[in-house]
Amino acid sequence: MKKRVTGIGGLFFKTKDPKASKDWYKKHLGLNTDDYGCTFWWKDKEGKDCSTQWSPFADDTKYFEPSKKDFMFNYRVENLVELLEALKEEGVTIVGEMQEFEYGKFGWILDHDGNKIELWEPVDRAFL
């Protein structure tokens, strides 16, 4: 099997006021925020453009369910279909069905503590 996780794809957290959080981080820490949060661009060791997303979500979001935590990590992965099959065989809980968009494929799992984890096979060029 190829590599599994290749990097951090995103850091997502709940807040009472996502706009206020984005404004505060923009003003005080210089994050270039937009409607979704902030995208950090970097290059991998082969020089390929890659991104990591920072996004505040509303307190009442259902996106992190079934986890009860106020955060969710998104990990960049290679070959999501193969990885989800391997994780299922290893007894890892898969949440929902894989989804595919122009900017990549997404799948969700639960870790041993019940934290929902988003797995993303990115298509970074969709953001350029």
Protein backbone atom coordinates (compact mmCIF):
# COMPACT_ATOMS: atom_id res chain seq x y z
CA MET A 1 0.00 0.00 0.00
CA LYS A 2 1.12 3.53 -0.73
CA LYS A 3 1.57 6.13 1.97
CA ARG A 4 -1.48 6.76 4.09
CA VAL A 5 -1.42 10.26 5.61
CA THR A 6 0.80 12.69 3.71
CA GLY A 7 0.10 15.87 5.70
CA ILE A 8 -2.40 18.03 7.51
CA GLY A 9 -5.27 19.01 5.24
CA GLY A 10 -7.19 21.15 7.66
CA LEU A 11 -7.92 22.24 11.21
CA PHE A 12 -11.61 22.75 11.91
CA PHE A 13 -13.13 23.98 15.17
CA LYS A 14 -16.45 25.15 16.57
CA THR A 15 -17.01 28.71 17.74
CA LYS A 16 -19.99 30.81 18.79
CA ASP A 17 -19.32 33.33 16.01
CA PRO A 18 -17.26 32.08 13.02
CA LYS A 19 -17.16 35.55 11.40
CA ALA A 20 -15.84 37.14 14.60
CA SER A 21 -13.19 34.39 14.83
CA LYS A 22 -12.09 34.96 11.24
CA ASP A 23 -12.00 38.73 11.81
CA TRP A 24 -9.98 38.37 15.04
CA TYR A 25 -7.41 36.03 13.46
CA LYS A 26 -7.14 38.31 10.43
CA LYS A 27 -6.62 41.45 12.54
CA HIS A 28 -4.33 40.03 15.22
CA LEU A 29 -2.49 37.17 13.52
CA GLY A 30 -2.63 38.24 9.88
CA LEU A 31 -4.57 35.25 8.51
CA ASN A 32 -5.87 35.99 5.03
CA THR A 33 -9.42 34.86 5.79
CA ASP A 34 -12.40 34.43 3.47
CA ASP A 35 -15.85 32.84 3.81
CA TYR A 36 -14.27 29.42 4.53
CA GLY A 37 -11.46 30.50 6.84
CA CYS A 38 -7.87 30.64 5.65
CA THR A 39 -5.94 28.51 3.16
CA PHE A 40 -2.23 28.05 3.79
CA TRP A 41 -0.20 27.23 0.67
CA TRP A 42 3.04 25.26 0.79
CA LYS A 43 5.11 22.97 -1.41
CA ASP A 44 5.79 19.33 -0.73
CA LYS A 45 9.29 17.88 -1.05
CA GLU A 46 8.76 17.33 -4.79
CA GLY A 47 7.81 21.00 -5.21
CA LYS A 48 4.08 20.36 -5.78
CA ASP A 49 1.65 23.04 -4.57
CA CYS A 50 -0.31 21.88 -1.51
CA SER A 51 -2.78 23.50 0.84
CA THR A 52 -3.97 23.28 4.43
CA GLN A 53 -7.32 24.77 5.43
CA TRP A 54 -8.07 26.53 8.73
CA SER A 55 -11.82 26.90 9.30
CA PRO A 56 -14.04 27.97 12.18
CA PHE A 57 -17.50 26.33 12.19
CA ALA A 58 -20.67 27.42 13.99
CA ASP A 59 -21.25 25.86 17.45
CA ASP A 60 -24.31 24.01 16.17
CA THR A 61 -22.65 22.39 13.12
CA LYS A 62 -23.54 18.75 12.58
CA TYR A 63 -20.46 18.27 10.37
CA PHE A 64 -18.32 16.82 13.18
CA GLU A 65 -20.94 14.22 14.20
CA PRO A 66 -20.99 11.57 15.51
CA SER A 67 -18.03 13.01 17.47
CA LYS A 68 -19.00 15.28 20.34
CA LYS A 69 -15.71 17.22 20.17
CA ASP A 70 -15.41 20.88 19.21
CA PHE A 71 -12.73 20.15 16.62
CA MET A 72 -11.99 17.89 13.67
CA PHE A 73 -8.71 17.22 11.90
CA ASN A 74 -8.48 16.73 8.15
CA TYR A 75 -5.55 14.67 6.91
CA ARG A 76 -4.22 14.66 3.36
CA VAL A 77 -4.00 11.09 2.03
CA GLU A 78 -3.07 9.18 -1.10
CA ASN A 79 -5.53 6.80 -2.80
CA LEU A 80 -8.51 7.28 -0.50
CA VAL A 81 -10.51 4.37 -1.93
CA GLU A 82 -7.71 1.90 -1.17
CA LEU A 83 -7.08 3.45 2.24
CA LEU A 84 -10.74 3.26 3.30
CA GLU A 85 -10.84 -0.42 2.27
CA ALA A 86 -7.70 -1.15 4.31
CA LEU A 87 -9.01 0.75 7.35
CA LYS A 88 -12.32 -1.13 7.19
CA GLU A 89 -10.43 -4.44 7.11
CA GLU A 90 -8.47 -3.25 10.17
CA GLY A 91 -11.72 -2.69 12.06
CA VAL A 92 -11.73 1.12 11.88
CA THR A 93 -15.22 2.69 11.92
CA ILE A 94 -16.04 4.34 8.60
CA VAL A 95 -18.54 7.23 8.84
CA GLY A 96 -20.85 7.72 5.86
CA GLU A 97 -19.93 7.31 2.21
CA MET A 98 -16.95 8.71 0.36
CA GLN A 99 -17.71 11.93 -1.53
CA GLU A 100 -15.95 13.31 -4.58
CA PHE A 101 -15.67 16.93 -5.71
CA GLU A 102 -13.49 18.84 -8.20
CA TYR A 103 -11.07 19.60 -5.34
CA GLY A 104 -10.75 16.01 -4.13
CA LYS A 105 -12.24 12.94 -2.50
CA PHE A 106 -13.36 12.87 1.13
CA GLY A 107 -13.97 10.06 3.57
CA TRP A 108 -14.53 9.98 7.34
CA ILE A 109 -13.50 7.65 10.13
CA LEU A 110 -13.56 7.56 13.92
CA ASP A 111 -10.37 7.18 15.93
CA HIS A 112 -10.13 5.06 19.09
CA ASP A 113 -11.51 7.97 21.19
CA GLY A 114 -14.52 8.52 18.92
CA ASN A 115 -13.09 11.64 17.26
CA LYS A 116 -14.27 12.10 13.70
CA ILE A 117 -11.39 12.43 11.26
CA GLU A 118 -11.76 13.67 7.71
CA LEU A 119 -9.52 12.04 5.09
CA TRP A 120 -8.90 14.07 1.95
CA GLU A 121 -7.32 12.97 -1.31
CA PRO A 122 -6.72 16.50 -2.61
CA VAL A 123 -6.77 18.01 -6.06
CA ASP A 124 -4.85 21.15 -5.07
CA ARG A 125 -4.76 22.54 -8.60
CA ALA A 126 -8.53 23.12 -8.32
CA PHE A 127 -7.77 26.00 -5.93
CA LEU A 128 -5.12 27.69 -8.07
